[in-house]
Amino acid sequence: MGNNIGRCIIYKCGYDIDPDEYIKSLPKGCPYRWVTGSRSNVEHTGFVRWLLRKYPHTDVMNAAEKYLIGSTKDRDAIFWQVTKNLEVICGEVVNVHSVSGNTERIYRRRITGDNPFNHNERLCLYGEHLLNRPHPKKVVILKSELSAVESSIKNPGILWLASLYNSKDQVSQIKDYLPNAIWI
C-alpha cells in the first residue's frame, strides 16, 4: 500500500485514503484473458493426459473446454474458478501425474489477480460458470475439481461442481445458493 493510505498522524488531518475504500477499489479476481490464454496447451497437462488414458479424446477435450481447464508453462493443470457472471475468482494449479492420476499437493498453488486481499473475497464453486448454460436439473457438488471433471465424462446427464470450502459457514452459504444440489 502507498504512503497516502491510512490515517495521517503527523498533521492529524484524518484519512488520506481510507484503507477499506482502497481495498474495495482494487481489481477483483483475475482478468478473463488469463483463462483464455492458459487454454492453448491443455492437452499436455498431466491431468488431461491421465484422462486420455481412460476416456475417448473428444469426451476429454469437451470436458476440458467446458470446465475451462488451463495449463501452466510447466504443464500443470489450472482449474479456474469462474462465477455465473464470468468473473474469474482464482485459478487452482495442480500437478497431476499423467499415469497414476495422483495429485502432487505440494505443487498446489492459487493464482489470484492484482488484489492481494482478494483470496477470500467471494465463494465460488468450481464449474459455477456452467449454471448459466442449459444444464440438467440434477446438480452434484463434490470436494475435488478433478473428480467433477472426470464425473462429467462418466455421467454427462448431471452437472458436476466442486467445492473447496469446508467451514460450516461456507457450506451453509453454498446450500442457500443451490438448495437442491446433492453433496457428495
C-alpha atoms as a PDB file:
ATOM      1  CA  MET A   1       0.000   0.000   0.000  1.00  0.00           C
ATOM      2  CA  GLY A   2       1.116   3.516  -0.669  1.00  0.00           C
ATOM      3  CA  ASN A   3       2.068   6.114   1.908  1.00  0.00           C
ATOM      4  CA  ASN A   4      -1.159   8.019   1.268  1.00  0.00           C
ATOM      5  CA  ILE A   5      -3.334   5.152   2.528  1.00  0.00           C
ATOM      6  CA  GLY A   6      -4.382   5.193   6.154  1.00  0.00           C
ATOM      7  CA  ARG A   7      -4.629   7.802   8.867  1.00  0.00           C
ATOM      8  CA  CYS A   8      -2.452  10.898   8.704  1.00  0.00           C
ATOM      9  CA  ILE A   9      -0.676  11.036  12.065  1.00  0.00           C
ATOM     10  CA  ILE A  10       1.702  13.947  11.527  1.00  0.00           C
ATOM     11  CA  TYR A  11      -0.883  16.586  10.655  1.00  0.00           C
ATOM     12  CA  LYS A  12      -3.856  14.861  12.366  1.00  0.00           C
ATOM     13  CA  CYS A  13      -5.978  15.521   9.335  1.00  0.00           C
ATOM     14  CA  GLY A  14      -7.803  12.182   9.322  1.00  0.00           C
ATOM     15  CA  TYR A  15      -7.502   9.701   6.498  1.00  0.00           C
ATOM     16  CA  ASP A  16      -5.673  10.441   3.328  1.00  0.00           C
ATOM     17  CA  ILE A  17      -7.381   7.415   1.756  1.00  0.00           C
ATOM     18  CA  ASP A  18      -9.499   5.100   3.898  1.00  0.00           C
ATOM     19  CA  PRO A  19      -7.872   1.601   3.830  1.00  0.00           C
ATOM     20  CA  ASP A  20     -11.265  -0.098   3.415  1.00  0.00           C
ATOM     21  CA  GLU A  21     -12.093   2.088   0.409  1.00  0.00           C
ATOM     22  CA  TYR A  22      -8.656   1.385  -1.060  1.00  0.00           C
ATOM     23  CA  ILE A  23      -9.166  -2.377  -0.742  1.00  0.00           C
ATOM     24  CA  LYS A  24     -12.638  -2.130  -2.325  1.00  0.00           C
ATOM     25  CA  SER A  25     -11.179  -0.180  -5.256  1.00  0.00           C
ATOM     26  CA  LEU A  26      -8.638  -2.896  -6.096  1.00  0.00           C
ATOM     27  CA  PRO A  27      -9.453  -5.218  -9.004  1.00  0.00           C
ATOM     28  CA  LYS A  28     -11.362  -8.325  -8.012  1.00  0.00           C
ATOM     29  CA  GLY A  29     -10.180 -11.691  -9.265  1.00  0.00           C
ATOM     30  CA  CYS A  30      -8.168 -12.292 -12.405  1.00  0.00           C
ATOM     31  CA  PRO A  31      -8.701 -10.972 -15.921  1.00  0.00           C
ATOM     32  CA  TYR A  32     -10.688 -13.416 -18.092  1.00  0.00           C
ATOM     33  CA  ARG A  33      -7.911 -13.245 -20.704  1.00  0.00           C
ATOM     34  CA  TRP A  34      -5.787 -15.290 -18.258  1.00  0.00           C
ATOM     35  CA  VAL A  35      -8.280 -18.143 -18.637  1.00  0.00           C
ATOM     36  CA  THR A  36      -8.349 -17.998 -22.423  1.00  0.00           C
ATOM     37  CA  GLY A  37      -4.572 -17.529 -22.595  1.00  0.00           C
ATOM     38  CA  SER A  38      -3.946 -20.640 -20.496  1.00  0.00           C
ATOM     39  CA  ARG A  39      -6.015 -22.969 -22.678  1.00  0.00           C
ATOM     40  CA  SER A  40      -3.635 -23.496 -25.627  1.00  0.00           C
ATOM     41  CA  ASN A  41      -1.622 -26.420 -24.180  1.00  0.00           C
ATOM     42  CA  VAL A  42      -4.274 -28.041 -22.004  1.00  0.00           C
ATOM     43  CA  GLU A  43      -3.891 -31.367 -23.846  1.00  0.00           C
ATOM     44  CA  HIS A  44      -0.330 -31.620 -22.492  1.00  0.00           C
ATOM     45  CA  THR A  45      -1.231 -31.317 -18.797  1.00  0.00           C
ATOM     46  CA  GLY A  46      -0.752 -34.397 -16.661  1.00  0.00           C
ATOM     47  CA  PHE A  47      -4.440 -34.342 -15.732  1.00  0.00           C
ATOM     48  CA  VAL A  48      -5.718 -34.340 -19.325  1.00  0.00           C
ATOM     49  CA  ARG A  49      -3.143 -36.939 -20.361  1.00  0.00           C
ATOM     50  CA  TRP A  50      -4.349 -39.140 -17.480  1.00  0.00           C
ATOM     51  CA  LEU A  51      -7.976 -38.701 -18.588  1.00  0.00           C
ATOM     52  CA  LEU A  52      -6.995 -39.562 -22.170  1.00  0.00           C
ATOM     53  CA  ARG A  53      -5.663 -42.922 -20.941  1.00  0.00           C
ATOM     54  CA  LYS A  54      -9.189 -43.758 -19.722  1.00  0.00           C
ATOM     55  CA  TYR A  55     -11.696 -41.938 -21.950  1.00  0.00           C
ATOM     56  CA  PRO A  56     -12.192 -41.022 -25.622  1.00  0.00           C
ATOM     57  CA  HIS A  57     -10.289 -37.962 -26.877  1.00  0.00           C
ATOM     58  CA  THR A  58     -13.393 -35.962 -27.832  1.00  0.00           C
ATOM     59  CA  ASP A  59     -15.052 -36.540 -24.432  1.00  0.00           C
ATOM     60  CA  VAL A  60     -11.936 -35.442 -22.549  1.00  0.00           C
ATOM     61  CA  MET A  61     -11.325 -32.355 -24.675  1.00  0.00           C
ATOM     62  CA  ASN A  62     -15.002 -31.360 -24.472  1.00  0.00           C
ATOM     63  CA  ALA A  63     -14.848 -31.622 -20.672  1.00  0.00           C
ATOM     64  CA  ALA A  64     -11.592 -29.613 -20.576  1.00  0.00           C
ATOM     65  CA  GLU A  65     -13.245 -26.896 -22.667  1.00  0.00           C
ATOM     66  CA  LYS A  66     -16.493 -26.966 -20.688  1.00  0.00           C
ATOM     67  CA  TYR A  67     -14.713 -26.698 -17.326  1.00  0.00           C
ATOM     68  CA  LEU A  68     -12.178 -24.102 -18.562  1.00  0.00           C
ATOM     69  CA  ILE A  69      -9.116 -26.157 -17.645  1.00  0.00           C
ATOM     70  CA  GLY A  70      -5.892 -24.277 -18.360  1.00  0.00           C
ATOM     71  CA  SER A  71      -2.228 -25.126 -18.431  1.00  0.00           C
ATOM     72  CA  THR A  72       0.892 -23.578 -16.908  1.00  0.00           C
ATOM     73  CA  LYS A  73       4.248 -23.475 -18.685  1.00  0.00           C
ATOM     74  CA  ASP A  74       5.198 -26.492 -16.525  1.00  0.00           C
ATOM     75  CA  ARG A  75       2.158 -28.395 -17.855  1.00  0.00           C
ATOM     76  CA  ASP A  76       0.306 -28.297 -14.553  1.00  0.00           C
ATOM     77  CA  ALA A  77      -3.478 -28.071 -14.811  1.00  0.00           C
ATOM     78  CA  ILE A  78      -5.193 -24.807 -13.850  1.00  0.00           C
ATOM     79  CA  PHE A  79      -8.725 -25.194 -12.532  1.00  0.00           C
ATOM     80  CA  TRP A  80     -10.236 -21.723 -12.938  1.00  0.00           C
ATOM     81  CA  GLN A  81     -12.980 -20.735 -10.516  1.00  0.00           C
ATOM     82  CA  VAL A  82     -15.363 -18.606 -12.560  1.00  0.00           C
ATOM     83  CA  THR A  83     -18.699 -17.231 -11.316  1.00  0.00           C
ATOM     84  CA  LYS A  84     -22.013 -17.290 -13.173  1.00  0.00           C
ATOM     85  CA  ASN A  85     -21.211 -13.717 -14.260  1.00  0.00           C
ATOM     86  CA  LEU A  86     -17.903 -14.943 -15.756  1.00  0.00           C
ATOM     87  CA  GLU A  87     -15.860 -13.196 -13.058  1.00  0.00           C
ATOM     88  CA  VAL A  88     -12.620 -15.127 -12.541  1.00  0.00           C
ATOM     89  CA  ILE A  89     -12.072 -15.532  -8.792  1.00  0.00           C
ATOM     90  CA  CYS A  90      -8.844 -17.536  -8.961  1.00  0.00           C
ATOM     91  CA  GLY A  91      -7.126 -20.495 -10.531  1.00  0.00           C
ATOM     92  CA  GLU A  92      -6.033 -23.567  -8.623  1.00  0.00           C
ATOM     93  CA  VAL A  93      -2.827 -25.028 -10.070  1.00  0.00           C
ATOM     94  CA  VAL A  94      -2.499 -28.762  -9.538  1.00  0.00           C
ATOM     95  CA  ASN A  95       0.258 -31.090 -10.698  1.00  0.00           C
ATOM     96  CA  VAL A  96      -1.292 -34.417 -11.688  1.00  0.00           C
ATOM     97  CA  HIS A  97       0.765 -37.482 -12.597  1.00  0.00           C
ATOM     98  CA  SER A  98      -0.174 -38.470 -16.166  1.00  0.00           C
ATOM     99  CA  VAL A  99      -0.046 -42.232 -15.484  1.00  0.00           C
ATOM    100  CA  SER A 100      -1.345 -42.672 -11.925  1.00  0.00           C
ATOM    101  CA  GLY A 101      -3.661 -39.642 -11.765  1.00  0.00           C
ATOM    102  CA  ASN A 102      -2.284 -38.821  -8.312  1.00  0.00           C
ATOM    103  CA  THR A 103      -2.050 -35.163  -7.387  1.00  0.00           C
ATOM    104  CA  GLU A 104       1.116 -33.657  -6.051  1.00  0.00           C
ATOM    105  CA  ARG A 105      -0.393 -31.475  -3.340  1.00  0.00           C
ATOM    106  CA  ILE A 106       2.958 -29.872  -2.615  1.00  0.00           C
ATOM    107  CA  TYR A 107       2.639 -28.153  -6.010  1.00  0.00           C
ATOM    108  CA  ARG A 108      -0.911 -26.951  -5.459  1.00  0.00           C
ATOM    109  CA  ARG A 109      -0.995 -23.174  -5.555  1.00  0.00           C
ATOM    110  CA  ARG A 110      -3.504 -20.432  -6.186  1.00  0.00           C
ATOM    111  CA  ILE A 111      -3.418 -17.807  -8.913  1.00  0.00           C
ATOM    112  CA  THR A 112      -5.111 -14.573  -7.923  1.00  0.00           C
ATOM    113  CA  GLY A 113      -5.257 -11.207  -9.601  1.00  0.00           C
ATOM    114  CA  ASP A 114      -3.571  -7.953  -8.621  1.00  0.00           C
ATOM    115  CA  ASN A 115      -5.572  -7.614  -5.402  1.00  0.00           C
ATOM    116  CA  PRO A 116      -3.605  -9.222  -2.530  1.00  0.00           C
ATOM    117  CA  PHE A 117      -6.723  -9.024  -0.343  1.00  0.00           C
ATOM    118  CA  ASN A 118      -8.857 -10.983  -2.805  1.00  0.00           C
ATOM    119  CA  HIS A 119      -8.190 -14.532  -1.584  1.00  0.00           C
ATOM    120  CA  ASN A 120     -11.430 -14.890   0.431  1.00  0.00           C
ATOM    121  CA  GLU A 121     -13.425 -12.157  -1.264  1.00  0.00           C
ATOM    122  CA  ARG A 122     -16.118 -14.391  -2.741  1.00  0.00           C
ATOM    123  CA  LEU A 123     -17.138 -18.005  -2.571  1.00  0.00           C
ATOM    124  CA  CYS A 124     -17.174 -19.672  -5.959  1.00  0.00           C
ATOM    125  CA  LEU A 125     -17.845 -23.269  -6.848  1.00  0.00           C
ATOM    126  CA  TYR A 126     -15.639 -24.891  -9.434  1.00  0.00           C
ATOM    127  CA  GLY A 127     -17.799 -25.129 -12.551  1.00  0.00           C
ATOM    128  CA  GLU A 128     -20.196 -22.413 -11.330  1.00  0.00           C
ATOM    129  CA  HIS A 129     -19.998 -20.693 -14.738  1.00  0.00           C
ATOM    130  CA  LEU A 130     -21.898 -23.688 -16.153  1.00  0.00           C
ATOM    131  CA  LEU A 131     -25.021 -22.677 -14.227  1.00  0.00           C
ATOM    132  CA  ASN A 132     -25.605 -20.055 -16.965  1.00  0.00           C
ATOM    133  CA  ARG A 133     -25.891 -22.730 -19.636  1.00  0.00           C
ATOM    134  CA  PRO A 134     -28.798 -25.106 -20.063  1.00  0.00           C
ATOM    135  CA  HIS A 135     -27.968 -27.945 -17.702  1.00  0.00           C
ATOM    136  CA  PRO A 136     -29.616 -30.989 -16.157  1.00  0.00           C
ATOM    137  CA  LYS A 137     -31.830 -30.373 -13.154  1.00  0.00           C
ATOM    138  CA  LYS A 138     -29.603 -32.597 -11.056  1.00  0.00           C
ATOM    139  CA  VAL A 139     -26.576 -30.762  -9.629  1.00  0.00           C
ATOM    140  CA  VAL A 140     -23.972 -32.641  -7.603  1.00  0.00           C
ATOM    141  CA  ILE A 141     -21.225 -30.950  -5.593  1.00  0.00           C
ATOM    142  CA  LEU A 142     -18.017 -32.866  -4.933  1.00  0.00           C
ATOM    143  CA  LYS A 143     -14.903 -31.927  -2.950  1.00  0.00           C
ATOM    144  CA  SER A 144     -12.473 -32.041  -5.873  1.00  0.00           C
ATOM    145  CA  GLU A 145     -12.256 -30.271  -9.222  1.00  0.00           C
ATOM    146  CA  LEU A 146     -10.589 -33.338 -10.700  1.00  0.00           C
ATOM    147  CA  SER A 147     -13.484 -35.565  -9.613  1.00  0.00           C
ATOM    148  CA  ALA A 148     -16.036 -33.111 -11.028  1.00  0.00           C
ATOM    149  CA  VAL A 149     -14.382 -33.121 -14.456  1.00  0.00           C
ATOM    150  CA  GLU A 150     -13.992 -36.912 -14.551  1.00  0.00           C
ATOM    151  CA  SER A 151     -17.561 -37.430 -13.318  1.00  0.00           C
ATOM    152  CA  SER A 152     -18.847 -35.161 -16.100  1.00  0.00           C
ATOM    153  CA  ILE A 153     -17.257 -37.515 -18.627  1.00  0.00           C
ATOM    154  CA  LYS A 154     -18.652 -40.640 -16.936  1.00  0.00           C
ATOM    155  CA  ASN A 155     -22.141 -39.232 -16.384  1.00  0.00           C
ATOM    156  CA  PRO A 156     -22.860 -36.172 -18.551  1.00  0.00           C
ATOM    157  CA  GLY A 157     -26.541 -36.152 -17.524  1.00  0.00           C
ATOM    158  CA  ILE A 158     -25.587 -34.452 -14.243  1.00  0.00           C
ATOM    159  CA  LEU A 159     -23.987 -31.057 -13.678  1.00  0.00           C
ATOM    160  CA  TRP A 160     -20.896 -31.738 -11.583  1.00  0.00           C
ATOM    161  CA  LEU A 161     -19.445 -28.903  -9.480  1.00  0.00           C
ATOM    162  CA  ALA A 162     -16.752 -28.859  -6.803  1.00  0.00           C
ATOM    163  CA  SER A 163     -16.400 -27.005  -3.538  1.00  0.00           C
ATOM    164  CA  LEU A 164     -13.090 -26.436  -1.803  1.00  0.00           C
ATOM    165  CA  TYR A 165     -14.883 -24.860   1.156  1.00  0.00           C
ATOM    166  CA  ASN A 166     -15.099 -26.830   4.353  1.00  0.00           C
ATOM    167  CA  SER A 167     -16.272 -24.487   7.107  1.00  0.00           C
ATOM    168  CA  LYS A 168     -19.905 -24.790   8.196  1.00  0.00           C
ATOM    169  CA  ASP A 169     -20.495 -21.131   7.348  1.00  0.00           C
ATOM    170  CA  GLN A 170     -19.168 -21.512   3.803  1.00  0.00           C
ATOM    171  CA  VAL A 171     -21.116 -24.721   3.170  1.00  0.00           C
ATOM    172  CA  SER A 172     -24.253 -23.036   4.531  1.00  0.00           C
ATOM    173  CA  GLN A 173     -23.836 -20.144   2.072  1.00  0.00           C
ATOM    174  CA  ILE A 174     -23.489 -22.570  -0.832  1.00  0.00           C
ATOM    175  CA  LYS A 175     -26.533 -24.578   0.317  1.00  0.00           C
ATOM    176  CA  ASP A 176     -28.534 -21.336   0.365  1.00  0.00           C
ATOM    177  CA  TYR A 177     -27.295 -20.569  -3.148  1.00  0.00           C
ATOM    178  CA  LEU A 178     -28.045 -24.065  -4.554  1.00  0.00           C
ATOM    179  CA  PRO A 179     -30.617 -25.581  -2.152  1.00  0.00           C
ATOM    180  CA  ASN A 180     -31.422 -28.636  -4.322  1.00  0.00           C
ATOM    181  CA  ALA A 181     -27.828 -29.662  -5.001  1.00  0.00           C
ATOM    182  CA  ILE A 182     -26.654 -33.055  -3.805  1.00  0.00           C
ATOM    183  CA  TRP A 183     -23.417 -33.046  -1.776  1.00  0.00           C
ATOM    184  CA  ILE A 184     -21.055 -35.996  -2.061  1.00  0.00           C
END
